[in-house]
Amino acid sequence: MPLQRRLPKVGFRSKKSADAAEVLLYRLVKVAGDVVDLASLVAAGIISGDIKRAKLVKQGEVTRALTVRGVACTEGAKAAILAAGGSVE
């Protein structure tokens, strides 16, 4: 039997996914202060310390005005943050 048929079939695993995280909007209530960046997300216990990139995803609501710095946002999350009186930098 040929080697390609004997080996187990495995899928693709991106190396970027190991150091990236998705953060849902409703979890931002745990962040102390009005600035959301990687350091504040780690301090609030939302993401672990070895994460290098994060992206905000719209799921839930934002209840206060927040300033987002250095964190990527989806279009829906950006619209929700701006509607709550916050800003995205």
PDB file of N, CA and C in Angstrom:
ATOM      1  N   MET A   1       0.846  -1.171   0.000  1.00  0.00           N
ATOM      2  CA  MET A   1       0.000   0.000   0.000  1.00  0.00           C
ATOM      3  C   MET A   1       0.894   1.237   0.000  1.00  0.00           C
ATOM      4  N   PRO A   2       0.565   2.269  -0.789  1.00  0.00           N
ATOM      5  CA  PRO A   2       1.395   3.467  -0.845  1.00  0.00           C
ATOM      6  C   PRO A   2       1.433   4.219   0.492  1.00  0.00           C
ATOM      7  N   LEU A   3       2.511   4.947   0.689  1.00  0.00           N
ATOM      8  CA  LEU A   3       2.707   5.667   1.946  1.00  0.00           C
ATOM      9  C   LEU A   3       1.596   6.676   2.208  1.00  0.00           C
ATOM     10  N   GLN A   4       1.128   7.392   1.193  1.00  0.00           N
ATOM     11  CA  GLN A   4       0.105   8.416   1.403  1.00  0.00           C
ATOM     12  C   GLN A   4      -1.212   7.828   1.895  1.00  0.00           C
ATOM     13  N   ARG A   5      -1.453   6.568   1.659  1.00  0.00           N
ATOM     14  CA  ARG A   5      -2.672   5.931   2.147  1.00  0.00           C
ATOM     15  C   ARG A   5      -2.489   5.355   3.548  1.00  0.00           C
ATOM     16  N   ARG A   6      -1.242   5.092   3.947  1.00  0.00           N
ATOM     17  CA  ARG A   6      -0.978   4.520   5.264  1.00  0.00           C
ATOM     18  C   ARG A   6      -0.920   5.579   6.358  1.00  0.00           C
ATOM     19  N   LEU A   7      -0.543   6.809   6.010  1.00  0.00           N
ATOM     20  CA  LEU A   7      -0.407   7.865   7.011  1.00  0.00           C
ATOM     21  C   LEU A   7      -1.776   8.405   7.407  1.00  0.00           C
ATOM     22  N   PRO A   8      -1.922   8.846   8.645  1.00  0.00           N
ATOM     23  CA  PRO A   8      -3.214   9.412   9.064  1.00  0.00           C
ATOM     24  C   PRO A   8      -3.459  10.751   8.370  1.00  0.00           C
ATOM     25  N   LYS A   9      -4.709  11.021   8.113  1.00  0.00           N
ATOM     26  CA  LYS A   9      -5.078  12.280   7.460  1.00  0.00           C
ATOM     27  C   LYS A   9      -5.311  13.330   8.543  1.00  0.00           C
ATOM     28  N   VAL A  10      -4.598  14.427   8.435  1.00  0.00           N
ATOM     29  CA  VAL A  10      -4.737  15.507   9.417  1.00  0.00           C
ATOM     30  C   VAL A  10      -5.043  16.799   8.679  1.00  0.00           C
ATOM     31  N   GLY A  11      -5.723  17.693   9.360  1.00  0.00           N
ATOM     32  CA  GLY A  11      -6.100  18.965   8.767  1.00  0.00           C
ATOM     33  C   GLY A  11      -5.030  20.022   8.972  1.00  0.00           C
ATOM     34  N   PHE A  12      -5.321  21.191   8.496  1.00  0.00           N
ATOM     35  CA  PHE A  12      -4.412  22.322   8.600  1.00  0.00           C
ATOM     36  C   PHE A  12      -4.605  23.010   9.941  1.00  0.00           C
ATOM     37  N   ARG A  13      -3.516  23.301  10.626  1.00  0.00           N
ATOM     38  CA  ARG A  13      -3.558  24.049  11.885  1.00  0.00           C
ATOM     39  C   ARG A  13      -2.681  25.278  11.741  1.00  0.00           C
ATOM     40  N   SER A  14      -3.302  26.420  11.787  1.00  0.00           N
ATOM     41  CA  SER A  14      -2.586  27.675  11.630  1.00  0.00           C
ATOM     42  C   SER A  14      -1.747  27.966  12.871  1.00  0.00           C
ATOM     43  N   LYS A  15      -0.518  28.403  12.680  1.00  0.00           N
ATOM     44  CA  LYS A  15       0.337  28.765  13.810  1.00  0.00           C
ATOM     45  C   LYS A  15      -0.065  30.115  14.403  1.00  0.00           C
ATOM     46  N   LYS A  16      -0.785  30.919  13.622  1.00  0.00           N
ATOM     47  CA  LYS A  16      -1.242  32.213  14.120  1.00  0.00           C
ATOM     48  C   LYS A  16      -2.355  32.063  15.151  1.00  0.00           C
ATOM     49  N   SER A  17      -3.113  30.995  15.081  1.00  0.00           N
ATOM     50  CA  SER A  17      -4.236  30.835  15.991  1.00  0.00           C
ATOM     51  C   SER A  17      -3.785  30.590  17.431  1.00  0.00           C
ATOM     52  N   ALA A  18      -2.559  30.190  17.638  1.00  0.00           N
ATOM     53  CA  ALA A  18      -2.063  29.922  18.986  1.00  0.00           C
ATOM     54  C   ALA A  18      -1.855  31.201  19.782  1.00  0.00           C
ATOM     55  N   ASP A  19      -1.598  32.320  19.108  1.00  0.00           N
ATOM     56  CA  ASP A  19      -1.350  33.563  19.830  1.00  0.00           C
ATOM     57  C   ASP A  19      -2.405  34.631  19.543  1.00  0.00           C
ATOM     58  N   ALA A  20      -3.584  34.233  19.104  1.00  0.00           N
ATOM     59  CA  ALA A  20      -4.669  35.170  18.825  1.00  0.00           C
ATOM     60  C   ALA A  20      -5.912  34.751  19.611  1.00  0.00           C
ATOM     61  N   ALA A  21      -6.752  35.746  19.939  1.00  0.00           N
ATOM     62  CA  ALA A  21      -7.963  35.460  20.702  1.00  0.00           C
ATOM     63  C   ALA A  21      -9.105  36.328  20.210  1.00  0.00           C
ATOM     64  N   GLU A  22     -10.313  35.806  20.332  1.00  0.00           N
ATOM     65  CA  GLU A  22     -11.522  36.579  20.056  1.00  0.00           C
ATOM     66  C   GLU A  22     -12.156  36.951  21.387  1.00  0.00           C
ATOM     67  N   VAL A  23     -12.535  38.211  21.502  1.00  0.00           N
ATOM     68  CA  VAL A  23     -13.146  38.708  22.729  1.00  0.00           C
ATOM     69  C   VAL A  23     -14.543  39.189  22.384  1.00  0.00           C
ATOM     70  N   LEU A  24     -15.535  38.712  23.117  1.00  0.00           N
ATOM     71  CA  LEU A  24     -16.910  39.105  22.882  1.00  0.00           C
ATOM     72  C   LEU A  24     -17.210  40.400  23.642  1.00  0.00           C
ATOM     73  N   LEU A  25     -18.067  41.240  23.075  1.00  0.00           N
ATOM     74  CA  LEU A  25     -18.315  42.564  23.647  1.00  0.00           C
ATOM     75  C   LEU A  25     -18.876  42.514  25.063  1.00  0.00           C
ATOM     76  N   TYR A  26     -19.738  41.563  25.349  1.00  0.00           N
ATOM     77  CA  TYR A  26     -20.348  41.552  26.672  1.00  0.00           C
ATOM     78  C   TYR A  26     -19.343  41.232  27.774  1.00  0.00           C
ATOM     79  N   ARG A  27     -18.174  40.718  27.422  1.00  0.00           N
ATOM     80  CA  ARG A  27     -17.153  40.424  28.425  1.00  0.00           C
ATOM     81  C   ARG A  27     -16.332  41.647  28.811  1.00  0.00           C
ATOM     82  N   LEU A  28     -16.519  42.771  28.094  1.00  0.00           N
ATOM     83  CA  LEU A  28     -15.746  43.971  28.388  1.00  0.00           C
ATOM     84  C   LEU A  28     -16.193  44.664  29.668  1.00  0.00           C
ATOM     85  N   VAL A  29     -17.276  44.228  30.292  1.00  0.00           N
ATOM     86  CA  VAL A  29     -17.693  44.825  31.563  1.00  0.00           C
ATOM     87  C   VAL A  29     -16.688  44.507  32.670  1.00  0.00           C
ATOM     88  N   LYS A  30     -15.869  43.476  32.490  1.00  0.00           N
ATOM     89  CA  LYS A  30     -14.854  43.110  33.482  1.00  0.00           C
ATOM     90  C   LYS A  30     -13.648  44.049  33.463  1.00  0.00           C
ATOM     91  N   VAL A  31     -13.469  44.803  32.373  1.00  0.00           N
ATOM     92  CA  VAL A  31     -12.293  45.669  32.244  1.00  0.00           C
ATOM     93  C   VAL A  31     -12.448  46.875  33.155  1.00  0.00           C
ATOM     94  N   ALA A  32     -11.457  47.086  34.012  1.00  0.00           N
ATOM     95  CA  ALA A  32     -11.460  48.258  34.886  1.00  0.00           C
ATOM     96  C   ALA A  32     -10.923  49.446  34.102  1.00  0.00           C
ATOM     97  N   GLY A  33     -11.584  50.570  34.194  1.00  0.00           N
ATOM     98  CA  GLY A  33     -11.166  51.758  33.457  1.00  0.00           C
ATOM     99  C   GLY A  33     -11.900  51.857  32.134  1.00  0.00           C
ATOM    100  N   ASP A  34     -11.555  52.894  31.387  1.00  0.00           N
ATOM    101  CA  ASP A  34     -12.243  53.157  30.126  1.00  0.00           C
ATOM    102  C   ASP A  34     -11.420  52.807  28.903  1.00  0.00           C
ATOM    103  N   VAL A  35     -10.179  52.361  29.072  1.00  0.00           N
ATOM    104  CA  VAL A  35      -9.314  52.029  27.944  1.00  0.00           C
ATOM    105  C   VAL A  35      -9.197  50.513  27.829  1.00  0.00           C
ATOM    106  N   VAL A  36      -9.465  50.007  26.628  1.00  0.00           N
ATOM    107  CA  VAL A  36      -9.357  48.574  26.365  1.00  0.00           C
ATOM    108  C   VAL A  36      -8.155  48.345  25.461  1.00  0.00           C
ATOM    109  N   ASP A  37      -7.142  47.656  25.973  1.00  0.00           N
ATOM    110  CA  ASP A  37      -5.992  47.238  25.180  1.00  0.00           C
ATOM    111  C   ASP A  37      -5.582  45.850  25.672  1.00  0.00           C
ATOM    112  N   LEU A  38      -4.507  45.307  25.123  1.00  0.00           N
ATOM    113  CA  LEU A  38      -4.106  43.948  25.498  1.00  0.00           C
ATOM    114  C   LEU A  38      -3.796  43.834  26.991  1.00  0.00           C
ATOM    115  N   ALA A  39      -3.130  44.842  27.534  1.00  0.00           N
ATOM    116  CA  ALA A  39      -2.762  44.798  28.951  1.00  0.00           C
ATOM    117  C   ALA A  39      -3.993  44.802  29.847  1.00  0.00           C
ATOM    118  N   SER A  40      -4.998  45.602  29.508  1.00  0.00           N
ATOM    119  CA  SER A  40      -6.203  45.648  30.337  1.00  0.00           C
ATOM    120  C   SER A  40      -7.022  44.373  30.198  1.00  0.00           C
ATOM    121  N   LEU A  41      -7.000  43.743  29.024  1.00  0.00           N
ATOM    122  CA  LEU A  41      -7.705  42.474  28.846  1.00  0.00           C
ATOM    123  C   LEU A  41      -7.047  41.361  29.652  1.00  0.00           C
ATOM    124  N   VAL A  42      -5.713  41.365  29.712  1.00  0.00           N
ATOM    125  CA  VAL A  42      -4.989  40.371  30.510  1.00  0.00           C
ATOM    126  C   VAL A  42      -5.243  40.621  31.994  1.00  0.00           C
ATOM    127  N   ALA A  43      -5.223  41.904  32.408  1.00  0.00           N
ATOM    128  CA  ALA A  43      -5.442  42.236  33.816  1.00  0.00           C
ATOM    129  C   ALA A  43      -6.853  41.857  34.275  1.00  0.00           C
ATOM    130  N   ALA A  44      -7.830  41.941  33.381  1.00  0.00           N
ATOM    131  CA  ALA A  44      -9.202  41.590  33.733  1.00  0.00           C
ATOM    132  C   ALA A  44      -9.435  40.082  33.693  1.00  0.00           C
ATOM    133  N   GLY A  45      -8.487  39.319  33.178  1.00  0.00           N
ATOM    134  CA  GLY A  45      -8.626  37.874  33.119  1.00  0.00           C
ATOM    135  C   GLY A  45      -9.457  37.390  31.942  1.00  0.00           C
ATOM    136  N   ILE A  46      -9.623  38.237  30.939  1.00  0.00           N
ATOM    137  CA  ILE A  46     -10.414  37.851  29.768  1.00  0.00           C
ATOM    138  C   ILE A  46      -9.578  37.001  28.818  1.00  0.00           C
ATOM    139  N   ILE A  47      -8.304  37.360  28.642  1.00  0.00           N
ATOM    140  CA  ILE A  47      -7.392  36.585  27.801  1.00  0.00           C
ATOM    141  C   ILE A  47      -6.173  36.220  28.634  1.00  0.00           C
ATOM    142  N   SER A  48      -5.415  35.238  28.177  1.00  0.00           N
ATOM    143  CA  SER A  48      -4.211  34.835  28.905  1.00  0.00           C
ATOM    144  C   SER A  48      -3.029  35.722  28.512  1.00  0.00           C
ATOM    145  N   GLY A  49      -1.975  35.632  29.267  1.00  0.00           N
ATOM    146  CA  GLY A  49      -0.827  36.498  29.083  1.00  0.00           C
ATOM    147  C   GLY A  49      -0.001  36.206  27.846  1.00  0.00           C
ATOM    148  N   ASP A  50      -0.128  35.029  27.253  1.00  0.00           N
ATOM    149  CA  ASP A  50       0.680  34.697  26.087  1.00  0.00           C
ATOM    150  C   ASP A  50       0.019  35.097  24.769  1.00  0.00           C
ATOM    151  N   ILE A  51      -1.143  35.706  24.815  1.00  0.00           N
ATOM    152  CA  ILE A  51      -1.844  36.165  23.621  1.00  0.00           C
ATOM    153  C   ILE A  51      -1.197  37.447  23.114  1.00  0.00           C
ATOM    154  N   LYS A  52      -0.937  37.504  21.808  1.00  0.00           N
ATOM    155  CA  LYS A  52      -0.291  38.670  21.208  1.00  0.00           C
ATOM    156  C   LYS A  52      -1.250  39.531  20.407  1.00  0.00           C
ATOM    157  N   ARG A  53      -2.387  38.960  19.983  1.00  0.00           N
ATOM    158  CA  ARG A  53      -3.376  39.693  19.190  1.00  0.00           C
ATOM    159  C   ARG A  53      -4.761  39.338  19.692  1.00  0.00           C
ATOM    160  N   ALA A  54      -5.655  40.320  19.646  1.00  0.00           N
ATOM    161  CA  ALA A  54      -7.035  40.067  20.035  1.00  0.00           C
ATOM    162  C   ALA A  54      -7.949  40.803  19.069  1.00  0.00           C
ATOM    163  N   LYS A  55      -9.163  40.283  18.932  1.00  0.00           N
ATOM    164  CA  LYS A  55     -10.149  40.903  18.055  1.00  0.00           C
ATOM    165  C   LYS A  55     -11.479  40.914  18.785  1.00  0.00           C
ATOM    166  N   LEU A  56     -12.121  42.086  18.792  1.00  0.00           N
ATOM    167  CA  LEU A  56     -13.421  42.231  19.418  1.00  0.00           C
ATOM    168  C   LEU A  56     -14.499  41.801  18.435  1.00  0.00           C
ATOM    169  N   VAL A  57     -15.410  40.970  18.911  1.00  0.00           N
ATOM    170  CA  VAL A  57     -16.493  40.450  18.089  1.00  0.00           C
ATOM    171  C   VAL A  57     -17.809  40.886  18.729  1.00  0.00           C
ATOM    172  N   LYS A  58     -18.750  41.325  17.899  1.00  0.00           N
ATOM    173  CA  LYS A  58     -20.023  41.805  18.433  1.00  0.00           C
ATOM    174  C   LYS A  58     -20.902  40.634  18.834  1.00  0.00           C
ATOM    175  N   GLN A  59     -21.006  40.461  20.122  1.00  0.00           N
ATOM    176  CA  GLN A  59     -21.964  39.537  20.696  1.00  0.00           C
ATOM    177  C   GLN A  59     -22.310  40.116  22.057  1.00  0.00           C
ATOM    178  N   GLY A  60     -23.502  40.571  22.211  1.00  0.00           N
ATOM    179  CA  GLY A  60     -23.905  41.250  23.425  1.00  0.00           C
ATOM    180  C   GLY A  60     -23.873  42.757  23.212  1.00  0.00           C
ATOM    181  N   GLU A  61     -23.967  43.489  24.301  1.00  0.00           N
ATOM    182  CA  GLU A  61     -24.042  44.947  24.251  1.00  0.00           C
ATOM    183  C   GLU A  61     -22.918  45.565  25.072  1.00  0.00           C
ATOM    184  N   VAL A  62     -22.596  46.808  24.714  1.00  0.00           N
ATOM    185  CA  VAL A  62     -21.648  47.608  25.477  1.00  0.00           C
ATOM    186  C   VAL A  62     -22.470  48.600  26.281  1.00  0.00           C
ATOM    187  N   THR A  63     -22.240  48.664  27.587  1.00  0.00           N
ATOM    188  CA  THR A  63     -23.066  49.510  28.446  1.00  0.00           C
ATOM    189  C   THR A  63     -22.428  50.850  28.783  1.00  0.00           C
ATOM    190  N   ARG A  64     -21.152  51.012  28.481  1.00  0.00           N
ATOM    191  CA  ARG A  64     -20.475  52.275  28.807  1.00  0.00           C
ATOM    192  C   ARG A  64     -19.529  52.654  27.686  1.00  0.00           C
ATOM    193  N   ALA A  65     -19.087  53.915  27.719  1.00  0.00           N
ATOM    194  CA  ALA A  65     -18.181  54.414  26.686  1.00  0.00           C
ATOM    195  C   ALA A  65     -16.774  53.884  26.944  1.00  0.00           C
ATOM    196  N   LEU A  66     -16.199  53.239  25.944  1.00  0.00           N
ATOM    197  CA  LEU A  66     -14.857  52.668  26.051  1.00  0.00           C
ATOM    198  C   LEU A  66     -13.978  53.203  24.935  1.00  0.00           C
ATOM    199  N   THR A  67     -12.702  53.286  25.188  1.00  0.00           N
ATOM    200  CA  THR A  67     -11.714  53.626  24.174  1.00  0.00           C
ATOM    201  C   THR A  67     -10.909  52.374  23.871  1.00  0.00           C
ATOM    202  N   VAL A  68     -10.926  51.942  22.628  1.00  0.00           N
ATOM    203  CA  VAL A  68     -10.243  50.713  22.221  1.00  0.00           C
ATOM    204  C   VAL A  68      -8.946  51.093  21.523  1.00  0.00           C
ATOM    205  N   ARG A  69      -7.826  50.574  22.023  1.00  0.00           N
ATOM    206  CA  ARG A  69      -6.505  50.853  21.444  1.00  0.00           C
ATOM    207  C   ARG A  69      -5.747  49.553  21.218  1.00  0.00           C
ATOM    208  N   GLY A  70      -5.225  49.383  20.016  1.00  0.00           N
ATOM    209  CA  GLY A  70      -4.369  48.245  19.726  1.00  0.00           C
ATOM    210  C   GLY A  70      -5.076  46.904  19.654  1.00  0.00           C
ATOM    211  N   VAL A  71      -6.382  46.918  19.548  1.00  0.00           N
ATOM    212  CA  VAL A  71      -7.156  45.689  19.453  1.00  0.00           C
ATOM    213  C   VAL A  71      -8.026  45.797  18.209  1.00  0.00           C
ATOM    214  N   ALA A  72      -8.015  44.775  17.381  1.00  0.00           N
ATOM    215  CA  ALA A  72      -8.820  44.790  16.160  1.00  0.00           C
ATOM    216  C   ALA A  72     -10.297  44.612  16.510  1.00  0.00           C
ATOM    217  N   CYS A  73     -11.160  45.148  15.649  1.00  0.00           N
ATOM    218  CA  CYS A  73     -12.606  45.070  15.862  1.00  0.00           C
ATOM    219  C   CYS A  73     -13.289  44.673  14.568  1.00  0.00           C
ATOM    220  N   THR A  74     -14.375  43.940  14.698  1.00  0.00           N
ATOM    221  CA  THR A  74     -15.224  43.707  13.538  1.00  0.00           C
ATOM    222  C   THR A  74     -16.058  44.965  13.317  1.00  0.00           C
ATOM    223  N   GLU A  75     -16.682  45.065  12.159  1.00  0.00           N
ATOM    224  CA  GLU A  75     -17.489  46.240  11.851  1.00  0.00           C
ATOM    225  C   GLU A  75     -18.660  46.374  12.820  1.00  0.00           C
ATOM    226  N   GLY A  76     -19.288  45.273  13.170  1.00  0.00           N
ATOM    227  CA  GLY A  76     -20.405  45.310  14.108  1.00  0.00           C
ATOM    228  C   GLY A  76     -19.978  45.745  15.494  1.00  0.00           C
ATOM    229  N   ALA A  77     -18.827  45.268  15.955  1.00  0.00           N
ATOM    230  CA  ALA A  77     -18.314  45.653  17.269  1.00  0.00           C
ATOM    231  C   ALA A  77     -17.943  47.125  17.283  1.00  0.00           C
ATOM    232  N   LYS A  78     -17.347  47.596  16.208  1.00  0.00           N
ATOM    233  CA  LYS A  78     -16.968  49.012  16.122  1.00  0.00           C
ATOM    234  C   LYS A  78     -18.213  49.895  16.159  1.00  0.00           C
ATOM    235  N   ALA A  79     -19.246  49.509  15.443  1.00  0.00           N
ATOM    236  CA  ALA A  79     -20.489  50.281  15.431  1.00  0.00           C
ATOM    237  C   ALA A  79     -21.128  50.297  16.817  1.00  0.00           C
ATOM    238  N   ALA A  80     -21.089  49.183  17.532  1.00  0.00           N
ATOM    239  CA  ALA A  80     -21.675  49.122  18.868  1.00  0.00           C
ATOM    240  C   ALA A  80     -20.897  49.984  19.856  1.00  0.00           C
ATOM    241  N   ILE A  81     -19.578  50.004  19.735  1.00  0.00           N
ATOM    242  CA  ILE A  81     -18.750  50.823  20.634  1.00  0.00           C
ATOM    243  C   ILE A  81     -18.992  52.304  20.363  1.00  0.00           C
ATOM    244  N   LEU A  82     -19.054  52.667  19.089  1.00  0.00           N
ATOM    245  CA  LEU A  82     -19.313  54.064  18.741  1.00  0.00           C
ATOM    246  C   LEU A  82     -20.722  54.493  19.155  1.00  0.00           C
ATOM    247  N   ALA A  83     -21.689  53.608  19.063  1.00  0.00           N
ATOM    248  CA  ALA A  83     -23.059  53.927  19.464  1.00  0.00           C
ATOM    249  C   ALA A  83     -23.165  54.140  20.973  1.00  0.00           C
ATOM    250  N   ALA A  84     -22.304  53.493  21.756  1.00  0.00           N
ATOM    251  CA  ALA A  84     -22.301  53.658  23.201  1.00  0.00           C
ATOM    252  C   ALA A  84     -21.532  54.898  23.634  1.00  0.00           C
ATOM    253  N   GLY A  85     -20.961  55.633  22.676  1.00  0.00           N
ATOM    254  CA  GLY A  85     -20.225  56.845  23.013  1.00  0.00           C
ATOM    255  C   GLY A  85     -18.728  56.650  23.137  1.00  0.00           C
ATOM    256  N   GLY A  86     -18.221  55.498  22.758  1.00  0.00           N
ATOM    257  CA  GLY A  86     -16.794  55.217  22.856  1.00  0.00           C
ATOM    258  C   GLY A  86     -16.073  55.570  21.578  1.00  0.00           C
ATOM    259  N   SER A  87     -14.795  55.182  21.500  1.00  0.00           N
ATOM    260  CA  SER A  87     -14.002  55.443  20.301  1.00  0.00           C
ATOM    261  C   SER A  87     -13.068  54.264  20.045  1.00  0.00           C
ATOM    262  N   VAL A  88     -12.694  54.126  18.771  1.00  0.00           N
ATOM    263  CA  VAL A  88     -11.784  53.064  18.357  1.00  0.00           C
ATOM    264  C   VAL A  88     -10.580  53.718  17.713  1.00  0.00           C
ATOM    265  N   GLU A  89      -9.385  53.423  18.223  1.00  0.00           N
ATOM    266  CA  GLU A  89      -8.154  54.019  17.695  1.00  0.00           C
ATOM    267  C   GLU A  89      -7.317  52.982  17.011  1.00  0.00           C
TER     268      GLU A  89
END
